[in-house]
């Protein structure tokens, strides 16, 4: 299990790799690197997948800009973070706490 403090420390120590997917999505979604930094610095881990390949992954919820929620998906490698994607969650897919995914009605 990962804790947000260790993730924040790796980020602050610049032990970060930005995936190509992350860079593309940031541009498409008009997300600034400063938004991602704020989300990680003040965020909390809301999900973890320790079996994810190629690295265990976590999902961080943080608030940016005018208290707007943001999710940052991060792979955790050997002493580094791999930023996978970042997005603004919507109430169509998430409960009002932005921590709980709504049940899919198509399952």
N, C-alpha and C. Protein backbone atom coordinates (compact mmCIF):
# COMPACT_ATOMS: atom_id res chain seq x y z
N UNK A 1 0.84 -1.19 0.00
CA UNK A 1 0.00 0.00 0.00
C UNK A 1 0.88 1.24 0.00
N UNK A 2 0.44 2.22 -0.74
CA UNK A 2 1.17 3.48 -0.82
C UNK A 2 0.46 4.53 0.02
N UNK A 3 1.21 5.50 0.50
CA UNK A 3 0.62 6.61 1.21
C UNK A 3 0.93 7.90 0.44
N UNK A 4 0.07 8.87 0.61
CA UNK A 4 0.18 10.11 -0.17
C UNK A 4 1.48 10.85 0.14
N UNK A 5 1.99 10.73 1.35
CA UNK A 5 3.22 11.44 1.71
C UNK A 5 4.41 10.94 0.89
N UNK A 6 4.51 9.63 0.68
CA UNK A 6 5.63 9.10 -0.11
C UNK A 6 5.48 9.49 -1.58
N UNK A 7 4.25 9.57 -2.07
CA UNK A 7 4.01 10.00 -3.46
C UNK A 7 4.39 11.48 -3.60
N UNK A 8 3.98 12.28 -2.64
CA UNK A 8 4.31 13.71 -2.67
C UNK A 8 5.82 13.93 -2.60
N UNK A 9 6.51 13.14 -1.80
CA UNK A 9 7.97 13.27 -1.67
C UNK A 9 8.66 12.93 -2.99
N UNK A 10 8.24 11.87 -3.65
CA UNK A 10 8.82 11.53 -4.96
C UNK A 10 8.56 12.64 -5.96
N UNK A 11 7.36 13.19 -5.94
CA UNK A 11 7.03 14.28 -6.87
C UNK A 11 7.90 15.50 -6.59
N UNK A 12 8.03 15.86 -5.33
CA UNK A 12 8.84 17.03 -4.95
C UNK A 12 10.32 16.84 -5.28
N UNK A 13 10.79 15.59 -5.25
CA UNK A 13 12.18 15.29 -5.58
C UNK A 13 12.40 15.10 -7.08
N UNK A 14 11.38 15.42 -7.86
CA UNK A 14 11.45 15.34 -9.33
C UNK A 14 11.71 13.93 -9.84
N UNK A 15 11.30 12.94 -9.06
CA UNK A 15 11.43 11.54 -9.49
C UNK A 15 10.16 11.19 -10.28
N UNK A 16 9.99 11.90 -11.40
CA UNK A 16 8.75 11.83 -12.17
C UNK A 16 9.06 11.63 -13.64
N UNK A 17 8.29 10.73 -14.25
CA UNK A 17 8.35 10.52 -15.70
C UNK A 17 6.95 10.80 -16.24
N UNK A 18 6.87 11.52 -17.33
CA UNK A 18 5.59 11.86 -17.93
C UNK A 18 5.38 10.98 -19.16
N UNK A 19 4.36 10.13 -19.12
CA UNK A 19 4.10 9.26 -20.26
C UNK A 19 3.63 10.09 -21.45
N UNK A 20 3.79 9.54 -22.63
CA UNK A 20 3.32 10.21 -23.84
C UNK A 20 1.81 10.41 -23.76
N UNK A 21 1.10 9.42 -23.27
CA UNK A 21 -0.35 9.52 -23.10
C UNK A 21 -0.71 10.70 -22.19
N UNK A 22 0.04 10.85 -21.11
CA UNK A 22 -0.19 11.94 -20.18
C UNK A 22 -0.04 13.29 -20.88
N UNK A 23 1.03 13.45 -21.64
CA UNK A 23 1.28 14.72 -22.33
C UNK A 23 0.17 15.03 -23.34
N UNK A 24 -0.27 14.02 -24.07
CA UNK A 24 -1.33 14.21 -25.06
C UNK A 24 -2.63 14.63 -24.37
N UNK A 25 -3.01 13.91 -23.32
CA UNK A 25 -4.26 14.21 -22.62
C UNK A 25 -4.22 15.58 -21.94
N UNK A 26 -3.08 15.94 -21.40
CA UNK A 26 -2.95 17.27 -20.78
C UNK A 26 -3.25 18.36 -21.80
N UNK A 27 -2.69 18.21 -22.97
CA UNK A 27 -2.91 19.21 -24.02
C UNK A 27 -4.37 19.23 -24.45
N UNK A 28 -4.95 18.05 -24.68
CA UNK A 28 -6.35 17.96 -25.11
C UNK A 28 -7.30 18.56 -24.07
N UNK A 29 -7.00 18.32 -22.81
CA UNK A 29 -7.89 18.74 -21.73
C UNK A 29 -7.54 20.11 -21.16
N UNK A 30 -6.52 20.73 -21.73
CA UNK A 30 -6.07 22.06 -21.29
C UNK A 30 -5.75 22.07 -19.79
N UNK A 31 -5.03 21.04 -19.37
CA UNK A 31 -4.60 20.94 -17.98
C UNK A 31 -3.16 21.42 -17.90
N UNK A 32 -2.90 22.25 -16.91
CA UNK A 32 -1.56 22.79 -16.71
C UNK A 32 -0.77 21.90 -15.76
N UNK A 33 0.55 21.91 -15.91
CA UNK A 33 1.41 21.16 -14.99
C UNK A 33 1.23 21.69 -13.57
N UNK A 34 0.95 22.97 -13.43
CA UNK A 34 0.72 23.53 -12.09
C UNK A 34 -0.55 22.94 -11.46
N UNK A 35 -1.55 22.61 -12.28
CA UNK A 35 -2.76 21.96 -11.76
C UNK A 35 -2.42 20.57 -11.21
N UNK A 36 -1.63 19.82 -11.97
CA UNK A 36 -1.24 18.48 -11.54
C UNK A 36 -0.45 18.56 -10.23
N UNK A 37 0.45 19.51 -10.16
CA UNK A 37 1.25 19.69 -8.95
C UNK A 37 0.35 19.98 -7.74
N UNK A 38 -0.61 20.89 -7.91
CA UNK A 38 -1.54 21.21 -6.83
C UNK A 38 -2.35 19.99 -6.41
N UNK A 39 -2.82 19.22 -7.39
CA UNK A 39 -3.63 18.03 -7.10
C UNK A 39 -2.83 17.02 -6.29
N UNK A 40 -1.58 16.81 -6.66
CA UNK A 40 -0.75 15.84 -5.93
C UNK A 40 -0.35 16.38 -4.57
N UNK A 41 0.05 17.64 -4.50
CA UNK A 41 0.49 18.22 -3.23
C UNK A 41 -0.61 18.24 -2.17
N UNK A 42 -1.83 18.51 -2.59
CA UNK A 42 -2.92 18.60 -1.62
C UNK A 42 -3.90 17.46 -1.70
N UNK A 43 -3.55 16.42 -2.43
CA UNK A 43 -4.50 15.35 -2.71
C UNK A 43 -4.49 14.20 -1.74
N UNK A 44 -5.31 13.22 -2.09
CA UNK A 44 -5.40 11.98 -1.33
C UNK A 44 -5.53 10.82 -2.32
N UNK A 45 -5.02 9.68 -1.90
CA UNK A 45 -5.14 8.49 -2.73
C UNK A 45 -6.54 7.91 -2.53
N UNK A 46 -7.28 7.74 -3.64
CA UNK A 46 -8.64 7.20 -3.53
C UNK A 46 -8.75 5.78 -4.08
N UNK A 47 -7.73 5.33 -4.80
CA UNK A 47 -7.73 3.95 -5.30
C UNK A 47 -6.30 3.50 -5.54
N UNK A 48 -6.08 2.20 -5.38
CA UNK A 48 -4.77 1.61 -5.64
C UNK A 48 -4.98 0.27 -6.33
N UNK A 49 -4.13 -0.03 -7.29
CA UNK A 49 -4.12 -1.34 -7.93
C UNK A 49 -2.68 -1.85 -7.89
N UNK A 50 -2.38 -2.62 -6.89
CA UNK A 50 -1.02 -3.10 -6.69
C UNK A 50 -0.63 -4.17 -7.70
N UNK A 51 -1.61 -4.73 -8.42
CA UNK A 51 -1.35 -5.76 -9.42
C UNK A 51 -1.24 -5.19 -10.83
N UNK A 52 -1.41 -3.89 -10.98
CA UNK A 52 -1.37 -3.26 -12.30
C UNK A 52 -0.02 -3.47 -12.95
N UNK A 53 0.00 -3.60 -14.27
CA UNK A 53 1.23 -3.84 -15.04
C UNK A 53 1.40 -2.70 -16.02
N UNK A 54 2.56 -2.13 -16.20
CA UNK A 54 3.86 -2.60 -15.74
C UNK A 54 4.22 -2.15 -14.32
N UNK A 55 3.45 -1.23 -13.74
CA UNK A 55 3.73 -0.76 -12.38
C UNK A 55 2.44 -0.71 -11.59
N UNK A 56 2.51 -0.89 -10.27
CA UNK A 56 1.33 -0.64 -9.45
C UNK A 56 0.85 0.79 -9.73
N UNK A 57 -0.46 1.00 -9.61
CA UNK A 57 -0.99 2.34 -9.91
C UNK A 57 -1.86 2.84 -8.78
N UNK A 58 -1.95 4.16 -8.73
CA UNK A 58 -2.80 4.83 -7.76
C UNK A 58 -3.61 5.90 -8.47
N UNK A 59 -4.71 6.27 -7.86
CA UNK A 59 -5.51 7.38 -8.36
C UNK A 59 -5.59 8.40 -7.24
N UNK A 60 -5.17 9.62 -7.55
CA UNK A 60 -5.16 10.71 -6.58
C UNK A 60 -6.29 11.68 -6.90
N UNK A 61 -6.99 12.11 -5.89
CA UNK A 61 -7.99 13.17 -6.00
C UNK A 61 -7.43 14.40 -5.32
N UNK A 62 -7.36 15.49 -6.07
CA UNK A 62 -6.95 16.76 -5.51
C UNK A 62 -7.85 17.85 -6.05
N UNK A 63 -7.70 19.04 -5.51
CA UNK A 63 -8.53 20.17 -5.94
C UNK A 63 -7.63 21.27 -6.47
N UNK A 64 -8.02 21.86 -7.59
CA UNK A 64 -7.22 22.87 -8.28
C UNK A 64 -8.09 24.06 -8.64
N UNK A 65 -7.45 25.09 -9.12
CA UNK A 65 -8.14 26.29 -9.60
C UNK A 65 -9.16 26.77 -8.58
N UNK A 66 -10.42 26.85 -8.97
CA UNK A 66 -11.47 27.31 -8.06
C UNK A 66 -12.11 26.13 -7.33
N UNK A 67 -11.27 25.35 -6.65
CA UNK A 67 -11.70 24.18 -5.91
C UNK A 67 -12.31 23.11 -6.82
N UNK A 68 -11.81 23.02 -8.05
CA UNK A 68 -12.28 22.04 -9.01
C UNK A 68 -11.57 20.70 -8.78
N UNK A 69 -12.34 19.60 -8.70
CA UNK A 69 -11.71 18.30 -8.47
C UNK A 69 -10.90 17.84 -9.68
N UNK A 70 -9.81 17.17 -9.42
CA UNK A 70 -8.97 16.59 -10.48
C UNK A 70 -8.49 15.23 -10.03
N UNK A 71 -8.51 14.28 -10.96
CA UNK A 71 -7.92 12.97 -10.73
C UNK A 71 -6.60 12.88 -11.48
N UNK A 72 -5.61 12.29 -10.84
CA UNK A 72 -4.32 12.04 -11.47
C UNK A 72 -4.02 10.56 -11.29
N UNK A 73 -3.87 9.85 -12.41
CA UNK A 73 -3.50 8.43 -12.37
C UNK A 73 -1.99 8.33 -12.47
N UNK A 74 -1.40 7.57 -11.55
CA UNK A 74 0.05 7.52 -11.42
C UNK A 74 0.51 6.07 -11.29
N UNK A 75 1.51 5.69 -12.08
CA UNK A 75 2.18 4.41 -11.90
C UNK A 75 3.34 4.63 -10.93
N UNK A 76 3.54 3.69 -10.03
CA UNK A 76 4.61 3.83 -9.05
C UNK A 76 5.67 2.79 -9.36
N UNK A 77 6.82 3.28 -9.86
CA UNK A 77 7.93 2.40 -10.20
C UNK A 77 8.97 2.39 -9.10
N UNK A 78 10.14 1.88 -9.42
CA UNK A 78 11.24 1.84 -8.47
C UNK A 78 11.75 3.26 -8.22
N UNK A 79 11.33 3.84 -7.11
CA UNK A 79 11.76 5.17 -6.69
C UNK A 79 11.42 6.26 -7.70
N UNK A 80 10.33 6.07 -8.46
CA UNK A 80 9.88 7.13 -9.36
C UNK A 80 8.39 6.99 -9.62
N UNK A 81 7.80 8.07 -10.07
CA UNK A 81 6.40 8.10 -10.46
C UNK A 81 6.31 8.17 -11.97
N UNK A 82 5.33 7.51 -12.53
CA UNK A 82 5.04 7.63 -13.96
C UNK A 82 3.62 8.20 -14.06
N UNK A 83 3.51 9.45 -14.49
CA UNK A 83 2.20 10.06 -14.61
C UNK A 83 1.53 9.51 -15.86
N UNK A 84 0.34 8.95 -15.67
CA UNK A 84 -0.38 8.26 -16.74
C UNK A 84 -1.41 9.15 -17.40
N UNK A 85 -2.25 9.78 -16.58
CA UNK A 85 -3.25 10.69 -17.11
C UNK A 85 -3.76 11.60 -16.00
N UNK A 86 -4.43 12.65 -16.40
CA UNK A 86 -5.08 13.57 -15.46
C UNK A 86 -6.37 14.04 -16.13
N UNK A 87 -7.40 14.20 -15.31
CA UNK A 87 -8.69 14.63 -15.87
C UNK A 87 -9.55 15.23 -14.77
N UNK A 88 -10.57 15.96 -15.21
CA UNK A 88 -11.55 16.51 -14.29
C UNK A 88 -12.73 15.55 -14.24
N UNK A 89 -12.94 14.86 -13.10
CA UNK A 89 -14.05 13.90 -13.03
C UNK A 89 -15.40 14.61 -13.12
N UNK A 90 -16.38 13.90 -13.66
CA UNK A 90 -17.72 14.46 -13.80
C UNK A 90 -18.71 13.70 -12.93
N UNK A 91 -19.79 14.37 -12.60
CA UNK A 91 -20.83 13.74 -11.80
C UNK A 91 -21.59 12.67 -12.59
N UNK A 92 -21.40 12.62 -13.89
CA UNK A 92 -22.02 11.56 -14.69
C UNK A 92 -21.40 10.20 -14.34
N UNK A 93 -20.11 10.19 -13.98
CA UNK A 93 -19.41 8.95 -13.70
C UNK A 93 -19.03 8.76 -12.23
N UNK A 94 -19.04 9.85 -11.46
CA UNK A 94 -18.57 9.81 -10.07
C UNK A 94 -19.64 10.35 -9.14
N UNK A 95 -19.67 9.82 -7.92
CA UNK A 95 -20.55 10.36 -6.89
C UNK A 95 -20.06 11.76 -6.51
N UNK A 96 -20.84 12.49 -5.75
CA UNK A 96 -20.52 13.88 -5.41
C UNK A 96 -19.22 14.04 -4.64
N UNK A 97 -18.73 12.96 -4.01
CA UNK A 97 -17.45 13.05 -3.30
C UNK A 97 -16.25 12.91 -4.24
N UNK A 98 -16.50 12.56 -5.49
CA UNK A 98 -15.48 12.35 -6.53
C UNK A 98 -14.49 11.25 -6.16
N UNK A 99 -14.85 10.45 -5.16
CA UNK A 99 -14.00 9.33 -4.74
C UNK A 99 -14.63 7.99 -5.13
N UNK A 100 -15.92 8.01 -5.32
CA UNK A 100 -16.68 6.78 -5.56
C UNK A 100 -17.23 6.78 -6.98
N UNK A 101 -16.85 5.76 -7.74
CA UNK A 101 -17.39 5.61 -9.09
C UNK A 101 -18.84 5.17 -9.02
N UNK A 102 -19.66 5.76 -9.86
CA UNK A 102 -21.06 5.33 -9.93
C UNK A 102 -21.11 3.95 -10.57
N UNK A 103 -22.10 3.19 -10.17
CA UNK A 103 -22.28 1.86 -10.75
C UNK A 103 -22.67 2.02 -12.22
N UNK A 104 -22.07 1.19 -13.05
CA UNK A 104 -22.40 1.22 -14.47
C UNK A 104 -23.72 0.48 -14.67
N UNK A 105 -24.69 1.12 -15.31
CA UNK A 105 -25.99 0.48 -15.50
C UNK A 105 -26.00 -0.48 -16.68
N UNK A 106 -24.88 -0.59 -17.40
CA UNK A 106 -24.81 -1.49 -18.55
C UNK A 106 -24.25 -2.84 -18.19
N UNK A 107 -23.85 -3.02 -16.92
CA UNK A 107 -23.29 -4.32 -16.51
C UNK A 107 -24.41 -5.26 -16.13
